[in-house]
Amino acid sequence: MRLFLLALALMIAAPAMAGATSAPPPVAPPPEAAALQADYVLVEKAARRLTLWRNREIIATYEIRLGLNPVGTKQQEGDKRTPEGLYWITGRNPDSRFHLSLAISYPERWDRIMASHRGVNPGGDIVIHGLPNGVDPAKALAIHRDGDWTDGCIAVTNTEIEDLWSRIPDGITIEIKP
């Protein structure tokens, strides 16, 4: 067995010792960078909490604000409710009217079917966002701290949306629970 391991080590080292050149191995991101990225987002509306998960472990939590009519799932455009269910992060908008926004895949097929049965528009443009641009920052933060204030989106502070922006990759699942 020792002879086999020695032969294997020599075979691996032989090209380098003979002056052979090869492409350098790909550089992996540092482990701490990968640890910052979420692979699942959980929103608990009643608790006003957004939790980032990675490999079934919590990596961060945030206090959130919701639509002005937070109880129940979004049913139609203008109802000021935040949807409930399984969705995906579909993109990001650095030029949002709020300080950054992450798009949520609402309405999904089921949402459109249910709205159609009710004869209403399901609405859309549901995002996770920071505070509104063009408003005095102190006033915006005071309104945010006071309670729910969105039209159905999930709101956090500007510092928090910057953190979420860097930690939530496009395409991951976001589950929004009552």
Protein backbone atom coordinates (compact mmCIF):
# COMPACT_ATOMS: atom_id res chain seq x y z
CA MET A 1 0.00 0.00 0.00
CA ARG A 2 2.84 2.43 0.84
CA LEU A 3 4.42 1.69 -2.51
CA PHE A 4 1.15 2.48 -4.28
CA LEU A 5 0.77 5.83 -2.48
CA LEU A 6 4.40 6.73 -3.23
CA ALA A 7 3.93 5.89 -6.93
CA LEU A 8 0.72 7.94 -7.03
CA ALA A 9 2.45 10.93 -5.42
CA LEU A 10 5.32 10.71 -7.92
CA MET A 11 2.89 10.54 -10.87
CA ILE A 12 1.11 13.65 -9.64
CA ALA A 13 4.35 15.54 -8.98
CA ALA A 14 6.22 14.32 -12.08
CA PRO A 15 4.91 16.97 -14.53
CA ALA A 16 5.86 19.80 -12.19
CA MET A 17 9.28 18.31 -11.52
CA ALA A 18 9.90 17.86 -15.25
CA GLY A 19 9.19 21.53 -15.91
CA ALA A 20 5.80 20.90 -17.52
CA THR A 21 3.43 23.81 -17.35
CA SER A 22 -0.30 23.68 -17.11
CA ALA A 23 -3.09 26.13 -16.51
CA PRO A 24 -3.45 27.12 -12.88
CA PRO A 25 -6.36 25.55 -11.06
CA PRO A 26 -9.50 27.67 -10.97
CA VAL A 27 -9.61 30.04 -8.04
CA ALA A 28 -12.47 29.22 -5.72
CA PRO A 29 -14.18 32.04 -3.88
CA PRO A 30 -13.17 32.26 -0.26
CA PRO A 31 -15.37 30.08 1.98
CA GLU A 32 -16.67 33.14 3.83
CA ALA A 33 -18.09 34.58 0.57
CA ALA A 34 -20.04 31.39 -0.13
CA ALA A 35 -21.26 31.32 3.47
CA LEU A 36 -22.85 34.74 2.99
CA GLN A 37 -25.08 33.62 0.09
CA ALA A 38 -28.54 32.32 0.95
CA ASP A 39 -30.10 29.33 -0.76
CA TYR A 40 -33.61 29.87 0.62
CA VAL A 41 -35.59 32.85 1.89
CA LEU A 42 -38.40 32.49 4.41
CA VAL A 43 -40.84 35.31 5.14
CA GLU A 44 -43.13 34.96 8.15
CA LYS A 45 -45.72 37.69 7.80
CA ALA A 46 -47.23 37.45 11.29
CA ALA A 47 -43.78 37.66 12.90
CA ARG A 48 -42.70 40.43 10.48
CA ARG A 49 -39.51 38.45 9.86
CA LEU A 50 -37.42 37.55 6.83
CA THR A 51 -34.89 34.76 7.40
CA LEU A 52 -32.03 33.77 5.11
CA TRP A 53 -31.07 30.10 5.11
CA ARG A 54 -28.05 28.27 3.73
CA ASN A 55 -27.67 24.50 3.91
CA ARG A 56 -30.63 24.33 6.32
CA GLU A 57 -29.03 26.75 8.74
CA ILE A 58 -30.13 30.29 9.52
CA ILE A 59 -27.53 32.82 8.38
CA ALA A 60 -29.43 36.07 9.01
CA THR A 61 -32.78 37.49 10.05
CA TYR A 62 -34.38 40.87 9.34
CA GLU A 63 -37.40 42.73 10.66
CA ILE A 64 -39.77 43.56 7.80
CA ARG A 65 -42.79 45.67 6.99
CA LEU A 66 -45.62 44.53 4.74
CA GLY A 67 -48.60 45.83 2.83
CA LEU A 68 -51.11 48.04 4.65
CA ASN A 69 -53.62 45.15 4.63
CA PRO A 70 -51.28 42.34 5.77
CA VAL A 71 -53.67 39.57 6.81
CA GLY A 72 -54.40 37.01 4.11
CA THR A 73 -52.81 36.45 0.75
CA LYS A 74 -52.82 38.92 -2.12
CA GLN A 75 -55.95 38.45 -4.18
CA GLN A 76 -56.01 41.35 -6.59
CA GLU A 77 -54.27 44.50 -7.68
CA GLY A 78 -54.63 47.29 -5.15
CA ASP A 79 -55.64 45.15 -2.15
CA LYS A 80 -52.42 46.14 -0.31
CA ARG A 81 -51.76 42.54 0.69
CA THR A 82 -48.46 40.69 0.53
CA PRO A 83 -48.80 37.35 -1.30
CA GLU A 84 -48.38 33.99 0.43
CA GLY A 85 -46.88 30.87 -1.09
CA LEU A 86 -43.77 29.69 -2.91
CA TYR A 87 -42.13 32.14 -5.29
CA TRP A 88 -38.69 32.88 -6.74
CA ILE A 89 -36.36 35.84 -6.78
CA THR A 90 -36.47 36.79 -10.46
CA GLY A 91 -34.21 39.82 -10.67
CA ARG A 92 -32.98 43.05 -9.18
CA ASN A 93 -33.54 46.71 -9.88
CA PRO A 94 -30.82 49.16 -8.88
CA ASP A 95 -32.95 52.02 -10.30
CA SER A 96 -36.06 51.25 -8.27
CA ARG A 97 -38.12 54.09 -6.83
CA PHE A 98 -37.06 52.54 -3.54
CA HIS A 99 -33.47 52.04 -2.42
CA LEU A 100 -32.83 48.84 -4.44
CA SER A 101 -35.39 46.11 -5.02
CA LEU A 102 -35.39 42.34 -5.50
CA ALA A 103 -38.23 41.06 -7.71
CA ILE A 104 -40.49 38.22 -6.56
CA SER A 105 -42.18 35.98 -9.15
CA TYR A 106 -45.73 36.95 -8.10
CA PRO A 107 -48.14 36.35 -9.75
CA GLU A 108 -47.47 32.71 -10.48
CA ARG A 109 -49.86 30.58 -12.53
CA TRP A 110 -52.01 29.68 -9.50
CA ASP A 111 -52.37 33.34 -8.54
CA ARG A 112 -53.48 34.23 -12.08
CA ILE A 113 -55.99 31.36 -12.18
CA MET A 114 -57.52 32.35 -8.84
CA ALA A 115 -57.74 36.01 -9.86
CA SER A 116 -59.32 35.01 -13.16
CA HIS A 117 -62.00 33.01 -11.32
CA ARG A 118 -62.75 36.11 -9.27
CA GLY A 119 -62.75 38.28 -12.39
CA VAL A 120 -59.95 40.52 -11.12
CA ASN A 121 -56.39 41.47 -12.02
CA PRO A 122 -53.93 39.66 -9.68
CA GLY A 123 -51.60 42.64 -9.62
CA GLY A 124 -47.85 42.30 -9.74
CA ASP A 125 -44.56 44.06 -9.18
CA ILE A 126 -44.11 42.55 -5.73
CA VAL A 127 -40.57 43.08 -4.48
CA ILE A 128 -38.35 43.22 -1.43
CA HIS A 129 -37.22 46.85 -1.20
CA GLY A 130 -35.64 49.52 0.93
CA LEU A 131 -37.04 52.92 1.83
CA PRO A 132 -38.45 55.26 -0.82
CA ASN A 133 -36.04 57.47 -2.75
CA GLY A 134 -36.63 61.21 -2.70
CA VAL A 135 -38.06 61.24 0.82
CA ASP A 136 -36.27 62.68 3.83
CA PRO A 137 -34.35 59.63 5.17
CA ALA A 138 -35.27 60.35 8.81
CA LYS A 139 -38.97 60.66 7.93
CA ALA A 140 -38.89 57.47 5.81
CA LEU A 141 -37.20 55.54 8.61
CA ALA A 142 -39.74 56.84 11.14
CA ILE A 143 -42.63 55.67 8.94
CA HIS A 144 -40.91 52.30 8.47
CA ARG A 145 -40.45 51.84 12.21
CA ASP A 146 -44.08 52.81 12.84
CA GLY A 147 -45.55 49.74 11.10
CA ASP A 148 -46.65 48.32 7.77
CA TRP A 149 -46.67 50.84 4.94
CA THR A 150 -46.22 49.18 1.51
CA ASP A 151 -48.75 48.41 -1.22
CA GLY A 152 -48.03 44.67 -0.79
CA CYS A 153 -44.25 44.49 -0.97
CA ILE A 154 -41.77 43.46 1.70
CA ALA A 155 -39.83 46.44 3.05
CA VAL A 156 -36.59 46.68 5.02
CA THR A 157 -34.22 49.54 5.79
CA ASN A 158 -31.73 50.75 3.19
CA THR A 159 -28.81 49.13 5.01
CA GLU A 160 -30.72 45.85 5.16
CA ILE A 161 -31.67 45.86 1.45
CA GLU A 162 -28.02 46.42 0.59
CA ASP A 163 -27.15 43.36 2.68
CA LEU A 164 -29.99 41.32 1.14
CA TRP A 165 -28.94 42.46 -2.35
CA SER A 166 -25.52 40.89 -1.81
CA ARG A 167 -26.80 37.73 -0.11
CA ILE A 168 -29.82 36.71 -2.21
CA PRO A 169 -28.95 35.35 -5.65
CA ASP A 170 -31.46 35.43 -8.49
CA GLY A 171 -33.46 32.24 -8.92
CA ILE A 172 -33.69 31.08 -5.31
CA THR A 173 -36.94 30.16 -3.59
CA ILE A 174 -38.74 32.60 -1.35
CA GLU A 175 -41.51 31.14 0.77
CA ILE A 176 -43.97 33.62 2.20
CA LYS A 177 -46.01 32.26 5.11
CA PRO A 178 -49.00 33.85 6.85
